Amino acid sequence: MTVIVDKNSETRVIMGKKFSWSVAALAVAVASSAAWAAEDPSIACFAAMADNPAFAPLRGKVVLKLGAHPDLSMLANDHRPTKREKDAIAAWVAESERCYDLGHDYRAIAYQPVVSALIDESMHAIEALVAKLYAGKLTYAQFNQQRQATDDTYRERVASTLQTLQAESDREQANRRAQQASIEAQQKAAAAQEAATQAQAQANEEAAQNARRALALQMLANSRPIYTPLPPPPPIRTPSIQNTNCYQIGSQLHCTTTGN
């Protein structure tokens, strides 16, 4: 942040890229996550600024507390900054820029690029208001009113962007879950099909084995010799015993045979 003083007049012009005393957009982004609020170095630094004695001339004239709104007296203050108050504004600006830069690296990692862009844009939007206040072209009331309107605009834009990002994240997660469920269903179906195929193959193999076993038994049965019983043996004939008795009568021989 640079403060350029025109020595030929009483006009001072504040120039810079980040007018960080307007941290509405940053506060909205950080408030969306408790973890961010605890870890973003800028937030703690901005919060400590409200009690900084260097900004005492600005108390009651502008909002110094992080996330606060101008009260009725601030919105009705038709005074313009004095030289002492301008010096306090310059110190406020320098400290705000230091606080903002503290969290630069963290925000680059933790915030979505579109949110970071909105935060930077909100700082640029305040630039013209602070320059006018510093130059005495705005009263405190005008500055506070326009600053609050600008803050509200960027609060809404950041909040809307965060909602959109969350909705997109939810859709992506839902799609991933649906894809995972589809993959798991396909895997289960494939596993069931594989199990059915294996069961059928096993059944076919068992059937084939049974068929081969039956065929082997049939072939074995066909190859056995036919048994033909032998005829009964002929009856054993009892050998016949014959007795022959001969006797002679005169000149004749007579024989008698007895037995079977």
Foldseek 3Di string as FASTA:
>chain_A
DDWDQDPVDRFIFDDDQFQQLLQLLVCLQQVVDVVSCVPQQLNVLQQVQVPDVLQVVCPLQADSHPPDARDPSNLVFQAADDPSNLSSSVVVRVSSVVSVVSRPVVCVPPPDPVSVVLSSVLRVVLNVLVRCRSRRVGGSNRSRVVSVVSSVVSSVVSVVVVVVVVVVVVVVVVVVVVVVVVVVVVVVVVVVVVVVVVVVVVVVVVVVVVVVVVVVVVVVVVPDDDDDDDDDDDDDDDDKDKDKDWDDDVPDIRIDIDID
